[in-house]
Amino acid sequence: MNIEAKKQYMETLRARYFKADKKSKSLILDEYCKNTGEERKYVIKKFNYKVKLKDKKGYKKINMMVK
């Protein structure tokens, strides 16, 4: 799975993730980790934060909460 496909997949699951209860969130995380091969703790951070490491000029940006 390439990077763009992972981003699209994460965005579709993110909408469901924020509306879900605790048990459903766990199932969504399991599904994403199984399909992409990424670590669970990293995925939790990706879902909770808008990860943008560098802007166009190459400077690091601060992660912003997306709730």
C-alpha atoms as a PDB file:
ATOM      1  CA  MET A   1       0.000   0.000   0.000  1.00  0.00           C
ATOM      2  CA  ASN A   2       1.547   3.322  -1.029  1.00  0.00           C
ATOM      3  CA  ILE A   3       1.563   6.510   1.045  1.00  0.00           C
ATOM      4  CA  GLU A   4      -1.349   8.210  -0.733  1.00  0.00           C
ATOM      5  CA  ALA A   5      -3.549   5.143  -0.331  1.00  0.00           C
ATOM      6  CA  LYS A   6      -2.713   5.018   3.395  1.00  0.00           C
ATOM      7  CA  LYS A   7      -3.643   8.709   3.777  1.00  0.00           C
ATOM      8  CA  GLN A   8      -6.989   8.226   2.039  1.00  0.00           C
ATOM      9  CA  TYR A   9      -7.722   5.105   4.057  1.00  0.00           C
ATOM     10  CA  MET A  10      -6.851   6.889   7.301  1.00  0.00           C
ATOM     11  CA  GLU A  11      -9.119   9.840   6.473  1.00  0.00           C
ATOM     12  CA  THR A  12     -12.092   7.573   5.816  1.00  0.00           C
ATOM     13  CA  LEU A  13     -11.545   5.660   9.051  1.00  0.00           C
ATOM     14  CA  ARG A  14     -10.823   8.815  11.071  1.00  0.00           C
ATOM     15  CA  ALA A  15     -14.412  10.034  10.646  1.00  0.00           C
ATOM     16  CA  ARG A  16     -15.734   6.727  11.991  1.00  0.00           C
ATOM     17  CA  TYR A  17     -13.085   6.647  14.744  1.00  0.00           C
ATOM     18  CA  PHE A  18     -14.142   9.932  16.386  1.00  0.00           C
ATOM     19  CA  LYS A  19     -17.825   8.952  16.430  1.00  0.00           C
ATOM     20  CA  ALA A  20     -17.185   5.449  17.809  1.00  0.00           C
ATOM     21  CA  ASP A  21     -17.252   4.154  21.372  1.00  0.00           C
ATOM     22  CA  LYS A  22     -14.201   2.554  23.012  1.00  0.00           C
ATOM     23  CA  LYS A  23     -14.840  -0.981  21.728  1.00  0.00           C
ATOM     24  CA  SER A  24     -15.463   0.200  18.170  1.00  0.00           C
ATOM     25  CA  LYS A  25     -12.314   2.330  18.231  1.00  0.00           C
ATOM     26  CA  SER A  26     -10.311  -0.763  19.097  1.00  0.00           C
ATOM     27  CA  LEU A  27     -11.796  -2.638  16.139  1.00  0.00           C
ATOM     28  CA  ILE A  28     -11.066   0.267  13.780  1.00  0.00           C
ATOM     29  CA  LEU A  29      -7.455   0.406  14.991  1.00  0.00           C
ATOM     30  CA  ASP A  30      -7.093  -3.364  14.572  1.00  0.00           C
ATOM     31  CA  GLU A  31      -8.418  -3.144  11.011  1.00  0.00           C
ATOM     32  CA  TYR A  32      -6.081  -0.284  10.074  1.00  0.00           C
ATOM     33  CA  CYS A  33      -3.023  -1.955  11.616  1.00  0.00           C
ATOM     34  CA  LYS A  34      -3.781  -5.249   9.895  1.00  0.00           C
ATOM     35  CA  ASN A  35      -4.220  -3.644   6.471  1.00  0.00           C
ATOM     36  CA  THR A  36      -1.261  -1.241   6.597  1.00  0.00           C
ATOM     37  CA  GLY A  37       1.230  -3.116   8.804  1.00  0.00           C
ATOM     38  CA  GLU A  38       1.857  -0.090  11.037  1.00  0.00           C
ATOM     39  CA  GLU A  39       2.299  -0.246  14.814  1.00  0.00           C
ATOM     40  CA  ARG A  40      -0.791   0.326  16.956  1.00  0.00           C
ATOM     41  CA  LYS A  41       0.603   3.141  19.152  1.00  0.00           C
ATOM     42  CA  TYR A  42       1.785   5.041  16.075  1.00  0.00           C
ATOM     43  CA  VAL A  43      -1.641   4.645  14.478  1.00  0.00           C
ATOM     44  CA  ILE A  44      -3.358   5.986  17.605  1.00  0.00           C
ATOM     45  CA  LYS A  45      -1.209   9.108  17.399  1.00  0.00           C
ATOM     46  CA  LYS A  46      -1.962   9.460  13.694  1.00  0.00           C
ATOM     47  CA  PHE A  47      -5.693   9.275  14.323  1.00  0.00           C
ATOM     48  CA  ASN A  48      -5.614  11.754  17.219  1.00  0.00           C
ATOM     49  CA  TYR A  49      -3.210  14.277  15.737  1.00  0.00           C
ATOM     50  CA  LYS A  50      -2.873  15.852  12.347  1.00  0.00           C
ATOM     51  CA  VAL A  51       0.687  14.784  11.563  1.00  0.00           C
ATOM     52  CA  LYS A  52       2.561  17.248   9.368  1.00  0.00           C
ATOM     53  CA  LEU A  53       6.276  17.070   9.890  1.00  0.00           C
ATOM     54  CA  LYS A  54       7.537  19.643   7.407  1.00  0.00           C
ATOM     55  CA  ASP A  55       6.046  22.531   5.500  1.00  0.00           C
ATOM     56  CA  LYS A  56       7.097  23.636   1.999  1.00  0.00           C
ATOM     57  CA  LYS A  57      10.173  25.474   3.288  1.00  0.00           C
ATOM     58  CA  GLY A  58      11.436  22.457   5.231  1.00  0.00           C
ATOM     59  CA  TYR A  59      10.731  23.773   8.724  1.00  0.00           C
ATOM     60  CA  LYS A  60       9.168  21.467  11.269  1.00  0.00           C
ATOM     61  CA  LYS A  61       5.616  22.256  12.279  1.00  0.00           C
ATOM     62  CA  ILE A  62       4.002  21.556  15.624  1.00  0.00           C
ATOM     63  CA  ASN A  63       1.454  18.735  15.618  1.00  0.00           C
ATOM     64  CA  MET A  64      -2.082  20.058  16.008  1.00  0.00           C
ATOM     65  CA  MET A  65      -4.972  18.334  17.773  1.00  0.00           C
ATOM     66  CA  VAL A  66      -7.876  17.442  15.449  1.00  0.00           C
ATOM     67  CA  LYS A  67     -10.853  17.025  17.742  1.00  0.00           C
END
